[in-house]
Amino acid sequence: MRYIGLKDGGGEILLPAPAELRFDSAEDAPADGFRGVFPLAGGCGTLAGLRVEDAAGGVRFLGTADMQRQTVSGGETALRLTCRSLAGPLLDSEPEPQTYEYPNLATIFARHIRPYGLTAFLGDARIFRGPLRVAKGMSEWQAAALFCKTYLRTAPRVRGTVFDATGIARGKPILLDNAAGVKYFRAELRLRRCELLTEIWTPTAEGSYAPAAADAGSVALGVRRKRCLAAGSSADAEELLRAADRRSFAVLADCPGYPRTEVGAPAELRDPTLGTFAGLTVAEVACAGGPDGVRTRYTMRKG
């Protein structure tokens, strides 16, 4: 990996390999995160961002430098960086409240995304019939994500400088198998029945509540757990049940080396003790490095 510090105005500085690093990416977190400690021979000046490239020149991380600390102790200099991908500024910034009568992805991108450093978008560019209301207190990310959820039925991701609203997984499929795939040194099956829901109820016009969705699978397991939505809630009852079921099951694998794929990629684990789990997707990627080397943890959930 190559670590390149980005300066205001376009300058760059090649940083040494970090003595410590941490990279996190998750399906429910719009911004990927990076933390690193870099041993320096001298000063590096003020950095605005960080780009991480693999051996082939592919960009593995691109983001802003949210925090920078440079310390000198015992004749040694260390640079500590805390960074987020370019989704970070979208989470921090608040748009002007407004209503779009005929929203489209190009307009949403131009007004809510491009001003923060992203250069292109991917996704359906049709014009839709609104209204789409951007309310006071929303972030720029929430405004853009609301458009994608409402009209495109997708969850957007920031990939480098591109706002991807296609909903298509970009990572390579990964097979975790010590006999015939990517090797791992630890695997875990995690079941959380406490996450399961059996019923979602919604308020009626008469002021009472009525069932809106039920999960027969959870009932068959002997689970009884009901939720009642607040009046005026826009939540999708079926989607709430699916999300609860997804949270209740996870397969984790710890592998040596840097990440081989990204969030959203198809995944499968084959373990002689735990069993075979196919049809999964990568929900989280966490990479950590230090004196003992680099390792990556994949958290996989039902697709």
C-alpha atoms as a PDB file:
ATOM      1  CA  MET A   1       0.000   0.000   0.000  1.00  0.00           C
ATOM      2  CA  ARG A   2       1.031   3.606  -0.660  1.00  0.00           C
ATOM      3  CA  TYR A   3      -0.130   6.359   1.674  1.00  0.00           C
ATOM      4  CA  ILE A   4      -0.271   9.826   0.137  1.00  0.00           C
ATOM      5  CA  GLY A   5      -0.989  12.921   2.206  1.00  0.00           C
ATOM      6  CA  LEU A   6      -3.033  15.544   0.348  1.00  0.00           C
ATOM      7  CA  LYS A   7      -2.339  19.231   0.869  1.00  0.00           C
ATOM      8  CA  ASP A   8      -4.534  22.256   0.291  1.00  0.00           C
ATOM      9  CA  GLY A   9      -4.047  23.511  -3.240  1.00  0.00           C
ATOM     10  CA  GLY A  10      -3.281  20.111  -4.745  1.00  0.00           C
ATOM     11  CA  GLY A  11       0.143  19.235  -3.344  1.00  0.00           C
ATOM     12  CA  GLU A  12       0.951  15.716  -2.204  1.00  0.00           C
ATOM     13  CA  ILE A  13       3.463  14.057   0.116  1.00  0.00           C
ATOM     14  CA  LEU A  14       4.319  10.359   0.220  1.00  0.00           C
ATOM     15  CA  LEU A  15       4.022   9.093   3.787  1.00  0.00           C
ATOM     16  CA  PRO A  16       5.910   6.106   5.184  1.00  0.00           C
ATOM     17  CA  ALA A  17       4.063   2.890   5.941  1.00  0.00           C
ATOM     18  CA  PRO A  18       2.052   3.350   9.136  1.00  0.00           C
ATOM     19  CA  ALA A  19       3.243   1.749  12.349  1.00  0.00           C
ATOM     20  CA  GLU A  20      -0.429   1.356  13.270  1.00  0.00           C
ATOM     21  CA  LEU A  21      -3.579   1.534  11.169  1.00  0.00           C
ATOM     22  CA  ARG A  22      -7.294   0.979  11.427  1.00  0.00           C
ATOM     23  CA  PHE A  23      -9.790   0.978   8.538  1.00  0.00           C
ATOM     24  CA  ASP A  24     -13.539   0.560   9.034  1.00  0.00           C
ATOM     25  CA  SER A  25     -16.355   0.262   6.512  1.00  0.00           C
ATOM     26  CA  ALA A  26     -19.943  -0.758   7.271  1.00  0.00           C
ATOM     27  CA  GLU A  27     -23.202  -0.928   5.356  1.00  0.00           C
ATOM     28  CA  ASP A  28     -24.992   1.251   7.931  1.00  0.00           C
ATOM     29  CA  ALA A  29     -22.244   3.898   8.101  1.00  0.00           C
ATOM     30  CA  PRO A  30     -22.121   6.238   5.069  1.00  0.00           C
ATOM     31  CA  ALA A  31     -18.512   7.289   5.685  1.00  0.00           C
ATOM     32  CA  ASP A  32     -15.596   4.856   5.795  1.00  0.00           C
ATOM     33  CA  GLY A  33     -12.997   5.636   8.461  1.00  0.00           C
ATOM     34  CA  PHE A  34      -9.209   5.453   8.655  1.00  0.00           C
ATOM     35  CA  ARG A  35      -6.838   6.014  11.565  1.00  0.00           C
ATOM     36  CA  GLY A  36      -3.090   5.705  11.275  1.00  0.00           C
ATOM     37  CA  VAL A  37       0.171   6.456  13.042  1.00  0.00           C
ATOM     38  CA  PHE A  38       3.006   7.308  10.655  1.00  0.00           C
ATOM     39  CA  PRO A  39       6.670   7.498  11.786  1.00  0.00           C
ATOM     40  CA  LEU A  40       8.225  10.589  10.174  1.00  0.00           C
ATOM     41  CA  ALA A  41      11.797  11.703   9.609  1.00  0.00           C
ATOM     42  CA  GLY A  42      10.693  15.351   9.765  1.00  0.00           C
ATOM     43  CA  GLY A  43       7.682  17.602   9.422  1.00  0.00           C
ATOM     44  CA  CYS A  44       4.912  17.118   6.869  1.00  0.00           C
ATOM     45  CA  GLY A  45       2.978  20.357   7.164  1.00  0.00           C
ATOM     46  CA  THR A  46      -0.797  20.578   7.308  1.00  0.00           C
ATOM     47  CA  LEU A  47      -2.697  17.838   5.484  1.00  0.00           C
ATOM     48  CA  ALA A  48      -6.195  18.187   4.057  1.00  0.00           C
ATOM     49  CA  GLY A  49      -6.723  14.534   3.204  1.00  0.00           C
ATOM     50  CA  LEU A  50      -5.327  11.068   2.601  1.00  0.00           C
ATOM     51  CA  ARG A  51      -5.283   8.706  -0.382  1.00  0.00           C
ATOM     52  CA  VAL A  52      -4.360   5.036   0.001  1.00  0.00           C
ATOM     53  CA  GLU A  53      -3.396   3.111  -3.127  1.00  0.00           C
ATOM     54  CA  ASP A  54      -2.694  -0.564  -3.691  1.00  0.00           C
ATOM     55  CA  ALA A  55       0.281  -1.922  -5.633  1.00  0.00           C
ATOM     56  CA  ALA A  56      -1.596  -1.579  -8.941  1.00  0.00           C
ATOM     57  CA  GLY A  57      -2.442   2.079  -8.307  1.00  0.00           C
ATOM     58  CA  GLY A  58      -6.081   1.435  -7.409  1.00  0.00           C
ATOM     59  CA  VAL A  59      -7.502   3.771  -4.781  1.00  0.00           C
ATOM     60  CA  ARG A  60      -8.438   1.854  -1.636  1.00  0.00           C
ATOM     61  CA  PHE A  61      -9.297   4.902   0.464  1.00  0.00           C
ATOM     62  CA  LEU A  62      -9.777   8.602  -0.215  1.00  0.00           C
ATOM     63  CA  GLY A  63     -10.894  11.027   2.428  1.00  0.00           C
ATOM     64  CA  THR A  64     -10.506  14.183   4.444  1.00  0.00           C
ATOM     65  CA  ALA A  65      -8.121  14.569   7.362  1.00  0.00           C
ATOM     66  CA  ASP A  66     -10.533  15.266  10.215  1.00  0.00           C
ATOM     67  CA  MET A  67      -7.823  15.272  12.882  1.00  0.00           C
ATOM     68  CA  GLN A  68      -4.042  15.630  12.630  1.00  0.00           C
ATOM     69  CA  ARG A  69      -1.557  15.317  15.492  1.00  0.00           C
ATOM     70  CA  GLN A  70       2.205  15.489  15.135  1.00  0.00           C
ATOM     71  CA  THR A  71       4.355  14.697  18.151  1.00  0.00           C
ATOM     72  CA  VAL A  72       8.090  14.685  18.835  1.00  0.00           C
ATOM     73  CA  SER A  73       9.427  12.525  21.641  1.00  0.00           C
ATOM     74  CA  GLY A  74      12.884  11.111  22.263  1.00  0.00           C
ATOM     75  CA  GLY A  75      14.072  12.287  18.860  1.00  0.00           C
ATOM     76  CA  GLU A  76      11.229  10.487  17.050  1.00  0.00           C
ATOM     77  CA  THR A  77       8.377  12.145  15.180  1.00  0.00           C
ATOM     78  CA  ALA A  78       4.940  10.576  14.765  1.00  0.00           C
ATOM     79  CA  LEU A  79       1.998  11.742  12.670  1.00  0.00           C
ATOM     80  CA  ARG A  80      -1.469  10.644  13.762  1.00  0.00           C
ATOM     81  CA  LEU A  81      -4.290  10.995  11.259  1.00  0.00           C
ATOM     82  CA  THR A  82      -8.013  10.409  11.682  1.00  0.00           C
ATOM     83  CA  CYS A  83      -9.821  10.489   8.342  1.00  0.00           C
ATOM     84  CA  ARG A  84     -13.226   9.843   6.827  1.00  0.00           C
ATOM     85  CA  SER A  85     -14.174   9.191   3.231  1.00  0.00           C
ATOM     86  CA  LEU A  86     -15.775  12.017   1.239  1.00  0.00           C
ATOM     87  CA  ALA A  87     -19.159  11.091   2.702  1.00  0.00           C
ATOM     88  CA  GLY A  88     -17.952  12.692   5.944  1.00  0.00           C
ATOM     89  CA  PRO A  89     -18.553  16.337   4.941  1.00  0.00           C
ATOM     90  CA  LEU A  90     -22.019  15.366   3.668  1.00  0.00           C
ATOM     91  CA  LEU A  91     -22.886  14.102   7.149  1.00  0.00           C
ATOM     92  CA  ASP A  92     -21.554  17.279   8.789  1.00  0.00           C
ATOM     93  CA  SER A  93     -23.300  19.813   6.538  1.00  0.00           C
ATOM     94  CA  GLU A  94     -26.914  20.964   6.610  1.00  0.00           C
ATOM     95  CA  PRO A  95     -28.776  21.908   3.414  1.00  0.00           C
ATOM     96  CA  GLU A  96     -31.221  24.719   2.947  1.00  0.00           C
ATOM     97  CA  PRO A  97     -34.780  23.461   3.613  1.00  0.00           C
ATOM     98  CA  GLN A  98     -36.632  23.207   0.317  1.00  0.00           C
ATOM     99  CA  THR A  99     -39.136  21.176  -1.688  1.00  0.00           C
ATOM    100  CA  TYR A 100     -38.438  19.527  -5.040  1.00  0.00           C
ATOM    101  CA  GLU A 101     -41.548  19.128  -7.171  1.00  0.00           C
ATOM    102  CA  TYR A 102     -39.747  17.165  -9.911  1.00  0.00           C
ATOM    103  CA  PRO A 103     -36.583  15.733  -8.320  1.00  0.00           C
ATOM    104  CA  ASN A 104     -33.879  13.916 -10.269  1.00  0.00           C
ATOM    105  CA  LEU A 105     -30.478  12.510  -9.407  1.00  0.00           C
ATOM    106  CA  ALA A 106     -28.549  15.114 -11.410  1.00  0.00           C
ATOM    107  CA  THR A 107     -30.143  17.981  -9.492  1.00  0.00           C
ATOM    108  CA  ILE A 108     -29.717  16.291  -6.117  1.00  0.00           C
ATOM    109  CA  PHE A 109     -26.060  15.648  -6.923  1.00  0.00           C
ATOM    110  CA  ALA A 110     -25.428  19.222  -8.093  1.00  0.00           C
ATOM    111  CA  ARG A 111     -27.017  20.830  -5.041  1.00  0.00           C
ATOM    112  CA  HIS A 112     -26.201  18.445  -2.207  1.00  0.00           C
ATOM    113  CA  ILE A 113     -23.159  16.362  -3.219  1.00  0.00           C
ATOM    114  CA  ARG A 114     -20.842  18.039  -5.739  1.00  0.00           C
ATOM    115  CA  PRO A 115     -20.070  21.121  -3.586  1.00  0.00           C
ATOM    116  CA  TYR A 116     -18.260  18.809  -1.147  1.00  0.00           C
ATOM    117  CA  GLY A 117     -15.654  17.454  -3.542  1.00  0.00           C
ATOM    118  CA  LEU A 118     -17.339  14.566  -5.332  1.00  0.00           C
ATOM    119  CA  THR A 119     -16.988  14.653  -9.089  1.00  0.00           C
ATOM    120  CA  ALA A 120     -19.566  12.250 -10.590  1.00  0.00           C
ATOM    121  CA  PHE A 121     -22.639  10.173  -9.876  1.00  0.00           C
ATOM    122  CA  LEU A 122     -23.968   6.794 -10.990  1.00  0.00           C
ATOM    123  CA  GLY A 123     -27.644   5.872 -11.107  1.00  0.00           C
ATOM    124  CA  ASP A 124     -31.027   6.415 -12.708  1.00  0.00           C
ATOM    125  CA  ALA A 125     -31.153  10.003 -14.022  1.00  0.00           C
ATOM    126  CA  ARG A 126     -34.913  10.109 -14.741  1.00  0.00           C
ATOM    127  CA  ILE A 127     -37.055  12.982 -13.508  1.00  0.00           C
ATOM    128  CA  PHE A 128     -39.634  11.932 -10.904  1.00  0.00           C
ATOM    129  CA  ARG A 129     -42.831  13.509  -9.697  1.00  0.00           C
ATOM    130  CA  GLY A 130     -42.431  14.849  -6.157  1.00  0.00           C
ATOM    131  CA  PRO A 131     -42.730  16.366  -3.764  1.00  0.00           C
ATOM    132  CA  LEU A 132     -39.403  15.611  -2.085  1.00  0.00           C
ATOM    133  CA  ARG A 133     -39.097  17.698   1.073  1.00  0.00           C
ATOM    134  CA  VAL A 134     -35.697  18.560   2.522  1.00  0.00           C
ATOM    135  CA  ALA A 135     -36.490  19.490   6.130  1.00  0.00           C
ATOM    136  CA  LYS A 136     -34.631  21.668   8.614  1.00  0.00           C
ATOM    137  CA  GLY A 137     -32.129  19.588  10.563  1.00  0.00           C
ATOM    138  CA  MET A 138     -31.377  17.103   7.771  1.00  0.00           C
ATOM    139  CA  SER A 139     -27.793  16.637   6.622  1.00  0.00           C
ATOM    140  CA  GLU A 140     -26.779  16.821   2.981  1.00  0.00           C
ATOM    141  CA  TRP A 141     -26.337  13.045   3.116  1.00  0.00           C
ATOM    142  CA  GLN A 142     -29.823  12.499   4.531  1.00  0.00           C
ATOM    143  CA  ALA A 143     -31.341  14.636   1.767  1.00  0.00           C
ATOM    144  CA  ALA A 144     -29.569  12.674  -0.967  1.00  0.00           C
ATOM    145  CA  ALA A 145     -30.249   9.313   0.700  1.00  0.00           C
ATOM    146  CA  LEU A 146     -33.941  10.194   1.062  1.00  0.00           C
ATOM    147  CA  PHE A 147     -34.163  10.796  -2.688  1.00  0.00           C
ATOM    148  CA  CYS A 148     -32.426   7.484  -3.429  1.00  0.00           C
ATOM    149  CA  LYS A 149     -34.646   5.522  -1.031  1.00  0.00           C
ATOM    150  CA  THR A 150     -37.897   7.162  -2.179  1.00  0.00           C
ATOM    151  CA  TYR A 151     -37.441   7.152  -5.947  1.00  0.00           C
ATOM    152  CA  LEU A 152     -34.581   4.779  -6.811  1.00  0.00           C
ATOM    153  CA  ARG A 153     -35.154   2.204  -4.047  1.00  0.00           C
ATOM    154  CA  THR A 154     -31.420   2.117  -3.393  1.00  0.00           C
ATOM    155  CA  ALA A 155     -29.007   2.923  -0.571  1.00  0.00           C
ATOM    156  CA  PRO A 156     -26.197   5.138  -1.928  1.00  0.00           C
ATOM    157  CA  ARG A 157     -22.460   4.732  -1.265  1.00  0.00           C
ATOM    158  CA  VAL A 158     -19.524   7.061  -1.792  1.00  0.00           C
ATOM    159  CA  ARG A 159     -16.740   5.345  -3.741  1.00  0.00           C
ATOM    160  CA  GLY A 160     -13.718   7.591  -4.019  1.00  0.00           C
ATOM    161  CA  THR A 161     -15.064  10.771  -5.624  1.00  0.00           C
ATOM    162  CA  VAL A 162     -18.192   9.072  -7.056  1.00  0.00           C
ATOM    163  CA  PHE A 163     -21.686   9.132  -5.545  1.00  0.00           C
ATOM    164  CA  ASP A 164     -23.008   5.663  -6.412  1.00  0.00           C
ATOM    165  CA  ALA A 165     -26.811   5.469  -6.323  1.00  0.00           C
ATOM    166  CA  THR A 166     -27.138   2.284  -8.384  1.00  0.00           C
ATOM    167  CA  GLY A 167     -27.461  -0.072  -5.409  1.00  0.00           C
ATOM    168  CA  ILE A 168     -25.080  -2.478  -7.175  1.00  0.00           C
ATOM    169  CA  ALA A 169     -22.385  -4.174  -5.098  1.00  0.00           C
ATOM    170  CA  ARG A 170     -18.929  -3.366  -6.489  1.00  0.00           C
ATOM    171  CA  GLY A 171     -16.740  -5.699  -4.445  1.00  0.00           C
ATOM    172  CA  LYS A 172     -15.496  -9.055  -5.687  1.00  0.00           C
ATOM    173  CA  PRO A 173     -17.225 -12.171  -4.303  1.00  0.00           C
ATOM    174  CA  ILE A 174     -15.232 -13.726  -1.490  1.00  0.00           C
ATOM    175  CA  LEU A 175     -15.068 -17.403  -0.509  1.00  0.00           C
ATOM    176  CA  LEU A 176     -13.640 -17.978   2.957  1.00  0.00           C
ATOM    177  CA  ASP A 177     -12.407 -21.558   2.959  1.00  0.00           C
ATOM    178  CA  ASN A 178      -9.092 -22.755   4.403  1.00  0.00           C
ATOM    179  CA  ALA A 179      -9.032 -25.617   1.914  1.00  0.00           C
ATOM    180  CA  ALA A 180      -9.980 -23.854  -1.329  1.00  0.00           C
ATOM    181  CA  GLY A 181     -10.414 -20.132  -0.813  1.00  0.00           C
ATOM    182  CA  VAL A 182      -9.323 -17.142   1.234  1.00  0.00           C
ATOM    183  CA  LYS A 183      -7.743 -18.446   4.415  1.00  0.00           C
ATOM    184  CA  TYR A 184      -8.883 -17.321   7.863  1.00  0.00           C
ATOM    185  CA  PHE A 185      -7.485 -17.989  11.318  1.00  0.00           C
ATOM    186  CA  ARG A 186     -10.698 -17.422  13.262  1.00  0.00           C
ATOM    187  CA  ALA A 187     -14.401 -17.787  12.451  1.00  0.00           C
ATOM    188  CA  GLU A 188     -17.487 -17.104  14.526  1.00  0.00           C
ATOM    189  CA  LEU A 189     -21.219 -17.714  14.167  1.00  0.00           C
ATOM    190  CA  ARG A 190     -23.201 -15.036  16.011  1.00  0.00           C
ATOM    191  CA  LEU A 191     -26.943 -15.397  16.699  1.00  0.00           C
ATOM    192  CA  ARG A 192     -28.899 -12.604  18.426  1.00  0.00           C
ATOM    193  CA  ARG A 193     -32.494 -13.700  18.977  1.00  0.00           C
ATOM    194  CA  CYS A 194     -33.026 -10.505  20.967  1.00  0.00           C
ATOM    195  CA  GLU A 195     -32.982  -8.598  17.651  1.00  0.00           C
ATOM    196  CA  LEU A 196     -35.873 -10.550  16.096  1.00  0.00           C
ATOM    197  CA  LEU A 197     -39.307  -8.969  15.773  1.00  0.00           C
ATOM    198  CA  THR A 198     -42.536 -10.865  15.203  1.00  0.00           C
ATOM    199  CA  GLU A 199     -45.071  -8.077  14.603  1.00  0.00           C
ATOM    200  CA  ILE A 200     -45.226  -4.437  13.543  1.00  0.00           C
ATOM    201  CA  TRP A 201     -48.390  -2.495  14.358  1.00  0.00           C
ATOM    202  CA  THR A 202     -49.391   0.903  12.947  1.00  0.00           C
ATOM    203  CA  PRO A 203     -51.950   3.474  14.141  1.00  0.00           C
ATOM    204  CA  THR A 204     -55.320   3.587  12.417  1.00  0.00           C
ATOM    205  CA  ALA A 205     -57.512   6.546  11.528  1.00  0.00           C
ATOM    206  CA  GLU A 206     -59.807   5.629  14.455  1.00  0.00           C
ATOM    207  CA  GLY A 207     -56.980   6.099  16.950  1.00  0.00           C
ATOM    208  CA  SER A 208     -56.313   2.421  17.648  1.00  0.00           C
ATOM    209  CA  TYR A 209     -53.542   0.141  16.337  1.00  0.00           C
ATOM    210  CA  ALA A 210     -53.665  -2.648  13.757  1.00  0.00           C
ATOM    211  CA  PRO A 211     -51.089  -5.227  12.621  1.00  0.00           C
ATOM    212  CA  ALA A 212     -49.156  -4.157   9.515  1.00  0.00           C
ATOM    213  CA  ALA A 213     -46.597  -6.958   9.127  1.00  0.00           C
ATOM    214  CA  ALA A 214     -45.637 -10.243  10.785  1.00  0.00           C
ATOM    215  CA  ASP A 215     -42.637 -12.556  10.642  1.00  0.00           C
ATOM    216  CA  ALA A 216     -43.779 -16.185  10.675  1.00  0.00           C
ATOM    217  CA  GLY A 217     -40.204 -17.408  10.890  1.00  0.00           C
ATOM    218  CA  SER A 218     -39.604 -15.630  14.192  1.00  0.00           C
ATOM    219  CA  VAL A 219     -42.901 -16.908  15.573  1.00  0.00           C
ATOM    220  CA  ALA A 220     -41.882 -20.472  14.659  1.00  0.00           C
ATOM    221  CA  LEU A 221     -38.751 -19.994  16.759  1.00  0.00           C
ATOM    222  CA  GLY A 222     -40.891 -19.154  19.765  1.00  0.00           C
ATOM    223  CA  VAL A 223     -40.072 -15.440  19.705  1.00  0.00           C
ATOM    224  CA  ARG A 224     -42.730 -12.891  20.662  1.00  0.00           C
ATOM    225  CA  ARG A 225     -41.643  -9.283  20.224  1.00  0.00           C
ATOM    226  CA  LYS A 226     -43.948  -6.527  18.933  1.00  0.00           C
ATOM    227  CA  ARG A 227     -43.270  -2.921  17.901  1.00  0.00           C
ATOM    228  CA  CYS A 228     -45.808  -0.113  17.444  1.00  0.00           C
ATOM    229  CA  LEU A 229     -45.009   2.695  15.037  1.00  0.00           C
ATOM    230  CA  ALA A 230     -45.647   6.311  15.977  1.00  0.00           C
ATOM    231  CA  ALA A 231     -48.413   8.253  14.269  1.00  0.00           C
ATOM    232  CA  GLY A 232     -47.160   9.806  11.052  1.00  0.00           C
ATOM    233  CA  SER A 233     -44.172   7.463  10.809  1.00  0.00           C
ATOM    234  CA  SER A 234     -42.964   6.792   7.281  1.00  0.00           C
ATOM    235  CA  ALA A 235     -41.241   3.560   8.273  1.00  0.00           C
ATOM    236  CA  ASP A 236     -41.883   0.481   6.121  1.00  0.00           C
ATOM    237  CA  ALA A 237     -43.169  -2.307   8.395  1.00  0.00           C
ATOM    238  CA  GLU A 238     -41.907  -5.128   6.157  1.00  0.00           C
ATOM    239  CA  GLU A 239     -38.491  -3.473   5.907  1.00  0.00           C
ATOM    240  CA  LEU A 240     -38.286  -3.182   9.707  1.00  0.00           C
ATOM    241  CA  LEU A 241     -38.863  -6.938  10.016  1.00  0.00           C
ATOM    242  CA  ARG A 242     -36.236  -7.691   7.359  1.00  0.00           C
ATOM    243  CA  ALA A 243     -33.717  -5.412   9.065  1.00  0.00           C
ATOM    244  CA  ALA A 244     -34.336  -7.089  12.427  1.00  0.00           C
ATOM    245  CA  ASP A 245     -33.852 -10.533  10.903  1.00  0.00           C
ATOM    246  CA  ARG A 246     -30.631  -9.354   9.248  1.00  0.00           C
ATOM    247  CA  ARG A 247     -29.241  -8.018  12.532  1.00  0.00           C
ATOM    248  CA  SER A 248     -29.996 -11.299  14.305  1.00  0.00           C
ATOM    249  CA  PHE A 249     -27.499 -13.366  12.289  1.00  0.00           C
ATOM    250  CA  ALA A 250     -23.845 -12.800  11.464  1.00  0.00           C
ATOM    251  CA  VAL A 251     -20.817 -14.831  10.434  1.00  0.00           C
ATOM    252  CA  LEU A 252     -17.401 -13.325  11.163  1.00  0.00           C
ATOM    253  CA  ALA A 253     -14.002 -14.297   9.836  1.00  0.00           C
ATOM    254  CA  ASP A 254     -10.551 -12.918  10.672  1.00  0.00           C
ATOM    255  CA  CYS A 255      -8.036 -13.120   7.843  1.00  0.00           C
ATOM    256  CA  PRO A 256      -4.380 -12.132   7.482  1.00  0.00           C
ATOM    257  CA  GLY A 257      -3.596  -9.195   5.210  1.00  0.00           C
ATOM    258  CA  TYR A 258      -5.441  -6.219   3.770  1.00  0.00           C
ATOM    259  CA  PRO A 259      -9.127  -6.311   2.669  1.00  0.00           C
ATOM    260  CA  ARG A 260      -9.792  -8.364  -0.453  1.00  0.00           C
ATOM    261  CA  THR A 261     -13.287  -7.003  -1.100  1.00  0.00           C
ATOM    262  CA  GLU A 262     -15.687  -4.338   0.136  1.00  0.00           C
ATOM    263  CA  VAL A 263     -19.054  -3.884   1.809  1.00  0.00           C
ATOM    264  CA  GLY A 264     -21.937  -5.313  -0.217  1.00  0.00           C
ATOM    265  CA  ALA A 265     -19.944  -8.049  -1.942  1.00  0.00           C
ATOM    266  CA  PRO A 266     -21.327 -11.621  -2.083  1.00  0.00           C
ATOM    267  CA  ALA A 267     -19.680 -13.905   0.477  1.00  0.00           C
ATOM    268  CA  GLU A 268     -19.548 -17.537   1.582  1.00  0.00           C
ATOM    269  CA  LEU A 269     -17.912 -19.274   4.532  1.00  0.00           C
ATOM    270  CA  ARG A 270     -17.049 -22.973   4.582  1.00  0.00           C
ATOM    271  CA  ASP A 271     -15.885 -24.297   7.928  1.00  0.00           C
ATOM    272  CA  PRO A 272     -15.667 -27.968   8.946  1.00  0.00           C
ATOM    273  CA  THR A 273     -17.074 -27.205  12.409  1.00  0.00           C
ATOM    274  CA  LEU A 274     -19.466 -24.265  11.950  1.00  0.00           C
ATOM    275  CA  GLY A 275     -20.738 -25.472   8.576  1.00  0.00           C
ATOM    276  CA  THR A 276     -21.287 -23.836   5.191  1.00  0.00           C
ATOM    277  CA  PHE A 277     -22.995 -20.466   4.909  1.00  0.00           C
ATOM    278  CA  ALA A 278     -23.761 -19.338   1.363  1.00  0.00           C
ATOM    279  CA  GLY A 279     -25.785 -16.424   0.036  1.00  0.00           C
ATOM    280  CA  LEU A 280     -24.227 -13.927   2.445  1.00  0.00           C
ATOM    281  CA  THR A 281     -23.137 -10.352   1.836  1.00  0.00           C
ATOM    282  CA  VAL A 282     -20.274  -8.462   3.453  1.00  0.00           C
ATOM    283  CA  ALA A 283     -21.816  -6.040   5.961  1.00  0.00           C
ATOM    284  CA  GLU A 284     -18.635  -4.734   7.584  1.00  0.00           C
ATOM    285  CA  VAL A 285     -14.915  -4.684   6.832  1.00  0.00           C
ATOM    286  CA  ALA A 286     -12.480  -3.834   9.628  1.00  0.00           C
ATOM    287  CA  CYS A 287      -8.737  -3.819   8.985  1.00  0.00           C
ATOM    288  CA  ALA A 288      -6.149  -3.325  11.728  1.00  0.00           C
ATOM    289  CA  GLY A 289      -2.358  -3.244  11.524  1.00  0.00           C
ATOM    290  CA  GLY A 290       0.501  -3.006  13.978  1.00  0.00           C
ATOM    291  CA  PRO A 291       3.766  -4.660  14.991  1.00  0.00           C
ATOM    292  CA  ASP A 292       2.202  -8.117  14.581  1.00  0.00           C
ATOM    293  CA  GLY A 293       1.098  -7.488  10.983  1.00  0.00           C
ATOM    294  CA  VAL A 294      -2.147  -6.640   9.229  1.00  0.00           C
ATOM    295  CA  ARG A 295      -5.424  -8.504   9.614  1.00  0.00           C
ATOM    296  CA  THR A 296      -8.943  -7.990   8.300  1.00  0.00           C
ATOM    297  CA  ARG A 297     -12.254  -8.969   9.852  1.00  0.00           C
ATOM    298  CA  TYR A 298     -15.270  -9.567   7.612  1.00  0.00           C
ATOM    299  CA  THR A 299     -18.745  -9.467   9.112  1.00  0.00           C
ATOM    300  CA  MET A 300     -21.236 -11.195   6.833  1.00  0.00           C
ATOM    301  CA  ARG A 301     -25.018 -11.260   7.008  1.00  0.00           C
ATOM    302  CA  LYS A 302     -27.873 -12.847   5.112  1.00  0.00           C
ATOM    303  CA  GLY A 303     -28.189 -11.388   1.630  1.00  0.00           C
END
